[in-house]
Amino acid sequence: MKTITYCLASSLAVSLGLVGLTPALVHANPDPNTMVNQFEATGGKFEGFRRSGAKGICATGEFIGSAEGRKISSASAFSGKPIPVVVRFSVGGANPKAADNTKTQRNLALQFNLPKNEVWQMGNISAPVFGSATPDQLMGRLQSTQPDPTTKVADPVKVKAFADANPEVLIQGRYFASQPVPASYAATNYWGVHGFGFSNAKKEKVWGKWIFEPVGGVQTLTDEEAKAKGPNFLFDDLRQRVAAGNAAFNFNLEVAQAGDTLTNATVPLPEGRKKITLGVLKIVAVAPDGSGPCLNITFDPNIMPAGVEGAADPMLRARTAPYAISLGRRIVEGSKQQ
């Protein structure tokens, strides 16, 4: 019921025009319906599936906040008591049959079900940066990479022209190309990419960007190992690791310093920033394929508890409306999960 309430609230906000009313953002953002349409045109439309991160699996977890977390934030997530978490792991892209053994994005989406009906949703990805700095830039990138209806591939001239004018859109792709294929959903780093602030009862505030780091360390595959694994190994691997008790992440905040960029998701924090461990997330169970509690959760990172706030990042602020519209379409089509 809690999930439905938040989904309906998001949808209502969209229908009433209440989403993203910060003046600097309203005029810059593309129409959210147009944005979702463009995702479908570029990535393909697979009815019932998410328009991004279509190939995924639900799990459940438990989060225990740390004393350090309690020092910087009054959020109930850091009470030190076990917090139930709905988890979704996925491969990036709109194709529900995307290959697991390629150098592409992995996602860790979370919903913390907090006391007093508070909810905290997150979308974390396996790169320290997002692929676009603004909604307009994201729209342009999607348009430039849309397949030609005749050739079925993107026009390389359009792709190059847009990238030349917007070099930020190449940063994430270059990062993925430089990294080995992840060996497991449970052995990969996941970044929140946006800036967030944490405040305590004294109104003291700490800003930074967070990262979920596997307790057992990052594990990767060589090109030969990835090829041998085949395109569908991540679900079974996750089940095996969870059954063995080997799927847990440290929730770390990289603390920003004066001059660091928190409002542009294509710019990571400089290396060497102080880290605060806010707690540990343990994955405790994995749902059967195609089912589970995550199916109709939007995982909107703008849904935060008291004691946590988002930076004035236009890409962060613009997520709520397209997420809600995409959910509405999936429900009408009959929500599915690979």
Protein backbone atom coordinates (compact mmCIF):
# COMPACT_ATOMS: atom_id res chain seq x y z
CA MET A 1 0.00 0.00 0.00
CA LYS A 2 2.87 2.35 0.80
CA THR A 3 4.35 1.92 -2.67
CA ILE A 4 1.02 2.55 -4.37
CA THR A 5 0.53 5.72 -2.34
CA TYR A 6 3.82 7.18 -3.51
CA CYS A 7 3.27 6.15 -7.12
CA LEU A 8 -0.16 7.75 -7.13
CA ALA A 9 1.22 10.86 -5.49
CA SER A 10 3.81 11.18 -8.23
CA SER A 11 1.19 10.68 -10.93
CA LEU A 12 -1.10 13.24 -9.32
CA ALA A 13 1.73 15.75 -9.14
CA VAL A 14 2.35 15.28 -12.85
CA SER A 15 -1.31 15.69 -13.79
CA LEU A 16 -1.62 18.85 -11.71
CA GLY A 17 1.63 20.34 -12.97
CA LEU A 18 3.18 20.35 -9.50
CA VAL A 19 6.46 18.67 -10.38
CA GLY A 20 9.67 20.66 -10.85
CA LEU A 21 8.21 24.14 -10.38
CA THR A 22 11.55 25.75 -9.58
CA PRO A 23 11.57 28.69 -12.07
CA ALA A 24 15.06 27.95 -13.37
CA LEU A 25 14.00 24.41 -14.26
CA VAL A 26 10.46 24.76 -15.62
CA HIS A 27 11.39 26.42 -18.90
CA ALA A 28 14.46 24.25 -19.52
CA ASN A 29 12.89 20.83 -19.11
CA PRO A 30 11.45 18.98 -22.11
CA ASP A 31 7.84 17.86 -21.79
CA PRO A 32 7.96 14.63 -19.73
CA ASN A 33 5.64 12.75 -22.10
CA THR A 34 7.92 13.74 -24.97
CA MET A 35 10.91 12.53 -22.98
CA VAL A 36 9.36 9.09 -22.41
CA ASN A 37 8.34 8.93 -26.08
CA GLN A 38 11.94 9.62 -27.04
CA PHE A 39 13.23 6.87 -24.75
CA GLU A 40 10.90 4.48 -26.58
CA ALA A 41 11.95 5.76 -30.02
CA THR A 42 15.65 5.42 -29.23
CA GLY A 43 15.80 2.31 -27.08
CA GLY A 44 12.79 0.47 -28.43
CA LYS A 45 9.37 -0.10 -26.89
CA PHE A 46 8.88 -3.35 -24.99
CA GLU A 47 5.36 -3.25 -23.59
CA GLY A 48 5.07 -3.67 -19.86
CA PHE A 49 8.79 -3.25 -19.23
CA ARG A 50 10.63 -0.29 -17.77
CA ARG A 51 11.83 2.18 -20.37
CA SER A 52 15.28 2.00 -18.80
CA GLY A 53 16.81 -0.88 -16.87
CA ALA A 54 14.26 -3.28 -18.35
CA LYS A 55 16.16 -6.48 -17.57
CA GLY A 56 16.07 -6.71 -13.81
CA ILE A 57 15.28 -8.75 -10.74
CA CYS A 58 13.67 -7.93 -7.38
CA ALA A 59 15.25 -8.66 -4.03
CA THR A 60 14.78 -7.67 -0.42
CA GLY A 61 17.37 -6.36 1.96
CA GLU A 62 18.05 -4.99 5.41
CA PHE A 63 19.86 -1.76 6.19
CA ILE A 64 21.46 -0.88 9.51
CA GLY A 65 22.61 2.70 9.88
CA SER A 66 25.85 3.65 11.57
CA ALA A 67 26.72 5.98 14.42
CA GLU A 68 28.45 8.18 11.85
CA GLY A 69 25.21 8.35 9.89
CA ARG A 70 23.34 9.43 13.01
CA LYS A 71 25.88 12.21 13.62
CA ILE A 72 25.22 13.92 10.30
CA SER A 73 21.52 13.17 9.70
CA SER A 74 18.33 12.93 11.71
CA ALA A 75 16.84 10.58 9.08
CA SER A 76 15.29 7.51 10.68
CA ALA A 77 17.23 5.30 8.26
CA PHE A 78 20.27 5.80 10.49
CA SER A 79 18.63 4.81 13.79
CA GLY A 80 20.75 1.68 14.03
CA LYS A 81 17.66 -0.51 13.93
CA PRO A 82 17.10 -2.88 10.96
CA ILE A 83 15.31 -1.13 8.09
CA PRO A 84 13.56 -3.26 5.44
CA VAL A 85 14.60 -2.42 1.89
CA VAL A 86 13.08 -3.31 -1.47
CA VAL A 87 15.90 -3.85 -3.97
CA ARG A 88 16.07 -4.04 -7.74
CA PHE A 89 19.18 -4.99 -9.70
CA SER A 90 19.19 -4.45 -13.46
CA VAL A 91 21.18 -4.05 -16.65
CA GLY A 92 20.95 -0.66 -18.35
CA GLY A 93 18.82 -0.04 -21.42
CA ALA A 94 15.29 -0.71 -22.63
CA ASN A 95 15.82 -4.25 -23.90
CA PRO A 96 14.60 -6.93 -21.46
CA LYS A 97 16.90 -9.42 -23.17
CA ALA A 98 20.06 -7.31 -22.84
CA ALA A 99 23.25 -9.33 -22.44
CA ASP A 100 24.81 -9.64 -18.98
CA ASN A 101 28.34 -10.13 -20.32
CA THR A 102 28.92 -6.72 -21.90
CA LYS A 103 30.56 -3.50 -20.69
CA THR A 104 27.31 -1.73 -19.97
CA GLN A 105 25.55 -0.16 -17.01
CA ARG A 106 24.35 -2.06 -13.95
CA ASN A 107 21.76 -0.53 -11.64
CA LEU A 108 20.96 -0.80 -7.93
CA ALA A 109 17.56 0.71 -7.13
CA LEU A 110 16.40 0.88 -3.52
CA GLN A 111 13.35 1.71 -1.44
CA PHE A 112 13.91 2.02 2.31
CA ASN A 113 10.62 1.47 4.15
CA LEU A 114 11.11 3.69 7.18
CA PRO A 115 9.08 4.15 10.38
CA LYS A 116 5.97 6.35 10.35
CA ASN A 117 5.32 5.56 6.66
CA GLU A 118 8.36 7.47 5.42
CA VAL A 119 9.99 6.17 2.26
CA TRP A 120 13.43 6.76 0.79
CA GLN A 121 13.94 5.83 -2.86
CA MET A 122 17.22 5.73 -4.77
CA GLY A 123 18.54 4.95 -8.20
CA ASN A 124 22.25 4.05 -8.24
CA ILE A 125 24.36 3.15 -11.28
CA SER A 126 27.70 1.44 -11.90
CA ALA A 127 29.45 4.64 -13.00
CA PRO A 128 30.43 7.75 -11.03
CA VAL A 129 28.68 9.99 -13.57
CA PHE A 130 25.40 10.20 -15.46
CA GLY A 131 25.31 10.45 -19.25
CA SER A 132 23.87 13.99 -19.46
CA ALA A 133 24.08 17.16 -17.40
CA THR A 134 20.58 18.50 -18.08
CA PRO A 135 17.21 17.21 -19.31
CA ASP A 136 17.65 19.15 -22.57
CA GLN A 137 21.01 17.52 -23.12
CA LEU A 138 19.55 14.09 -22.38
CA MET A 139 16.80 14.70 -24.91
CA GLY A 140 19.33 15.80 -27.51
CA ARG A 141 21.49 12.76 -26.87
CA LEU A 142 18.53 10.42 -27.25
CA GLN A 143 17.45 12.15 -30.46
CA SER A 144 20.96 11.96 -31.92
CA THR A 145 21.22 8.22 -31.23
CA GLN A 146 17.72 7.30 -32.42
CA PRO A 147 17.95 4.53 -35.05
CA ASP A 148 17.11 5.48 -38.62
CA PRO A 149 13.86 3.71 -39.64
CA THR A 150 15.51 2.37 -42.81
CA THR A 151 19.01 1.41 -41.68
CA LYS A 152 17.95 0.53 -38.09
CA VAL A 153 21.09 2.22 -36.76
CA ALA A 154 21.82 5.76 -35.60
CA ASP A 155 23.18 8.25 -38.11
CA PRO A 156 26.89 8.56 -37.21
CA VAL A 157 26.99 12.13 -38.51
CA LYS A 158 24.24 13.18 -36.09
CA VAL A 159 25.84 11.26 -33.23
CA LYS A 160 29.22 12.93 -33.80
CA ALA A 161 27.77 16.40 -34.25
CA PHE A 162 25.88 16.22 -30.97
CA ALA A 163 28.82 14.73 -29.08
CA ASP A 164 31.18 17.37 -30.46
CA ALA A 165 28.84 20.09 -29.21
CA ASN A 166 28.20 18.30 -25.90
CA PRO A 167 31.39 16.47 -24.88
CA GLU A 168 29.97 15.67 -21.43
CA VAL A 169 27.79 12.96 -22.97
CA LEU A 170 30.88 10.89 -23.80
CA ILE A 171 32.25 10.70 -20.25
CA GLN A 172 30.05 7.88 -19.00
CA GLY A 173 30.48 5.75 -22.12
CA ARG A 174 34.24 6.10 -21.93
CA TYR A 175 34.14 5.02 -18.31
CA PHE A 176 32.22 1.83 -19.13
CA ALA A 177 34.53 1.07 -22.05
CA SER A 178 37.54 1.34 -19.73
CA GLN A 179 36.14 -1.08 -17.15
CA PRO A 180 36.02 -4.90 -17.18
CA VAL A 181 32.64 -6.67 -17.23
CA PRO A 182 31.23 -6.92 -13.68
CA ALA A 183 31.34 -10.45 -12.27
CA SER A 184 28.17 -9.99 -10.23
CA TYR A 185 25.44 -7.57 -9.29
CA ALA A 186 26.73 -8.03 -5.74
CA ALA A 187 30.37 -7.23 -6.54
CA THR A 188 30.07 -3.86 -8.28
CA ASN A 189 30.21 -0.26 -7.08
CA TYR A 190 27.03 1.80 -7.47
CA TRP A 191 27.02 5.60 -7.38
CA GLY A 192 24.10 7.94 -6.69
CA VAL A 193 25.77 10.44 -9.12
CA HIS A 194 23.75 13.42 -7.79
CA GLY A 195 24.63 15.63 -4.84
CA PHE A 196 22.74 15.21 -1.57
CA GLY A 197 22.75 17.01 1.76
CA PHE A 198 22.43 15.44 5.20
CA SER A 199 21.26 17.49 8.19
CA ASN A 200 21.03 16.67 11.90
CA ALA A 201 18.94 18.00 14.77
CA LYS A 202 21.42 20.87 15.23
CA LYS A 203 20.75 21.94 11.62
CA GLU A 204 24.36 21.14 10.73
CA LYS A 205 24.63 20.06 7.11
CA VAL A 206 27.04 17.81 5.21
CA TRP A 207 26.95 17.66 1.40
CA GLY A 208 28.38 15.01 -0.84
CA LYS A 209 27.76 12.18 -3.30
CA TRP A 210 27.23 8.60 -2.20
CA ILE A 211 28.43 5.23 -3.34
CA PHE A 212 27.42 1.67 -2.42
CA GLU A 213 30.59 -0.43 -2.27
CA PRO A 214 30.46 -4.24 -1.99
CA VAL A 215 31.71 -5.47 1.37
CA GLY A 216 33.59 -8.29 -0.36
CA GLY A 217 35.21 -5.95 -2.85
CA VAL A 218 34.73 -5.35 -6.58
CA GLN A 219 35.00 -8.45 -8.77
CA THR A 220 35.31 -8.40 -12.56
CA LEU A 221 35.68 -10.75 -15.52
CA THR A 222 38.28 -10.90 -18.25
CA ASP A 223 36.95 -10.68 -21.80
CA GLU A 224 37.39 -14.45 -22.13
CA GLU A 225 35.59 -15.15 -18.85
CA ALA A 226 32.73 -12.84 -19.82
CA LYS A 227 32.31 -14.58 -23.16
CA ALA A 228 32.23 -17.98 -21.45
CA LYS A 229 29.60 -16.80 -18.94
CA GLY A 230 27.11 -16.06 -21.71
CA PRO A 231 24.36 -13.43 -21.78
CA ASN A 232 22.27 -14.58 -18.80
CA PHE A 233 24.33 -15.30 -15.68
CA LEU A 234 23.67 -12.42 -13.29
CA PHE A 235 20.36 -13.61 -11.81
CA ASP A 236 21.67 -17.07 -10.84
CA ASP A 237 24.92 -15.61 -9.56
CA LEU A 238 23.00 -13.21 -7.31
CA ARG A 239 20.88 -16.03 -5.88
CA GLN A 240 23.98 -18.07 -5.08
CA ARG A 241 25.72 -15.18 -3.34
CA VAL A 242 22.64 -14.21 -1.33
CA ALA A 243 22.09 -17.83 -0.24
CA ALA A 244 25.70 -17.92 0.95
CA GLY A 245 25.33 -14.60 2.79
CA ASN A 246 27.79 -12.89 0.48
CA ALA A 247 25.82 -9.91 -0.79
CA ALA A 248 26.26 -6.72 1.22
CA PHE A 249 27.25 -3.12 0.55
CA ASN A 250 28.75 -0.31 2.58
CA PHE A 251 26.71 2.87 2.07
CA ASN A 252 29.44 5.52 1.89
CA LEU A 253 29.15 9.28 1.54
CA GLU A 254 31.99 11.05 -0.24
CA VAL A 255 32.06 14.44 1.47
CA ALA A 256 32.21 17.49 -0.79
CA GLN A 257 34.62 20.35 -0.21
CA ALA A 258 34.32 24.00 -1.16
CA GLY A 259 34.40 24.36 -4.93
CA ASP A 260 33.23 20.80 -5.66
CA THR A 261 30.41 20.43 -8.19
CA LEU A 262 27.17 19.01 -6.79
CA THR A 263 24.69 20.23 -9.41
CA ASN A 264 26.07 18.45 -12.48
CA ALA A 265 25.82 14.65 -12.57
CA THR A 266 28.46 14.38 -15.32
CA VAL A 267 31.10 15.69 -12.91
CA PRO A 268 32.30 13.30 -10.17
CA LEU A 269 33.81 14.47 -6.93
CA PRO A 270 37.62 14.60 -7.03
CA GLU A 271 39.39 11.45 -5.89
CA GLY A 272 40.48 11.27 -2.28
CA ARG A 273 37.49 12.98 -0.70
CA LYS A 274 36.73 11.92 2.87
CA LYS A 275 34.30 9.02 3.14
CA ILE A 276 31.71 8.51 5.87
CA THR A 277 30.19 5.03 6.17
CA LEU A 278 26.49 5.64 6.74
CA GLY A 279 25.59 1.99 7.24
CA VAL A 280 25.49 -1.47 5.69
CA LEU A 281 22.92 -2.86 3.25
CA LYS A 282 22.60 -6.65 3.24
CA ILE A 283 20.65 -8.47 0.52
CA VAL A 284 18.65 -11.22 2.24
CA ALA A 285 16.40 -12.75 -0.44
CA VAL A 286 15.88 -12.77 -4.21
CA ALA A 287 12.43 -12.98 -5.80
CA PRO A 288 11.53 -15.43 -8.57
CA ASP A 289 12.12 -14.13 -12.09
CA GLY A 290 9.41 -11.79 -13.29
CA SER A 291 7.91 -11.07 -9.87
CA GLY A 292 8.58 -9.43 -6.55
CA PRO A 293 7.83 -6.25 -4.62
CA CYS A 294 9.86 -3.93 -6.87
CA LEU A 295 7.69 -4.37 -9.97
CA ASN A 296 5.74 -1.10 -9.79
CA ILE A 297 8.06 1.09 -7.73
CA THR A 298 9.41 4.13 -9.57
CA PHE A 299 12.61 4.41 -7.50
CA ASP A 300 12.42 8.20 -7.78
CA PRO A 301 15.50 9.71 -6.08
CA ASN A 302 13.51 12.83 -5.23
CA ILE A 303 11.59 10.82 -2.60
CA MET A 304 13.69 11.34 0.52
CA PRO A 305 13.10 11.32 4.27
CA ALA A 306 13.45 14.27 6.62
CA GLY A 307 17.14 14.82 7.22
CA VAL A 308 18.15 14.27 3.58
CA GLU A 309 17.79 16.67 0.63
CA GLY A 310 18.84 16.81 -2.99
CA ALA A 311 21.09 19.41 -4.58
CA ALA A 312 19.72 21.89 -7.14
CA ASP A 313 20.69 19.56 -9.98
CA PRO A 314 18.35 19.97 -12.98
CA MET A 315 18.82 16.33 -13.97
CA LEU A 316 17.82 15.14 -10.49
CA ARG A 317 14.79 17.44 -10.31
CA ALA A 318 13.54 16.37 -13.73
CA ARG A 319 13.25 12.65 -12.96
CA THR A 320 9.93 12.52 -11.11
CA ALA A 321 7.54 13.29 -13.96
CA PRO A 322 8.96 10.90 -16.61
CA TYR A 323 9.25 8.16 -13.99
CA ALA A 324 5.58 8.51 -13.09
CA ILE A 325 4.49 8.63 -16.74
CA SER A 326 6.55 5.55 -17.56
CA LEU A 327 4.98 3.69 -14.63
CA GLY A 328 1.50 4.64 -15.80
CA ARG A 329 2.19 3.29 -19.27
CA ARG A 330 3.61 0.06 -17.90
CA ILE A 331 0.61 -0.53 -15.65
CA VAL A 332 -1.79 -0.01 -18.57
CA GLU A 333 0.28 -2.42 -20.70
CA GLY A 334 0.56 -4.96 -17.88
CA SER A 335 3.75 -4.53 -15.88
CA LYS A 336 6.43 -7.10 -16.65
CA GLN A 337 9.92 -7.96 -15.52
CA GLN A 338 12.41 -10.29 -17.13
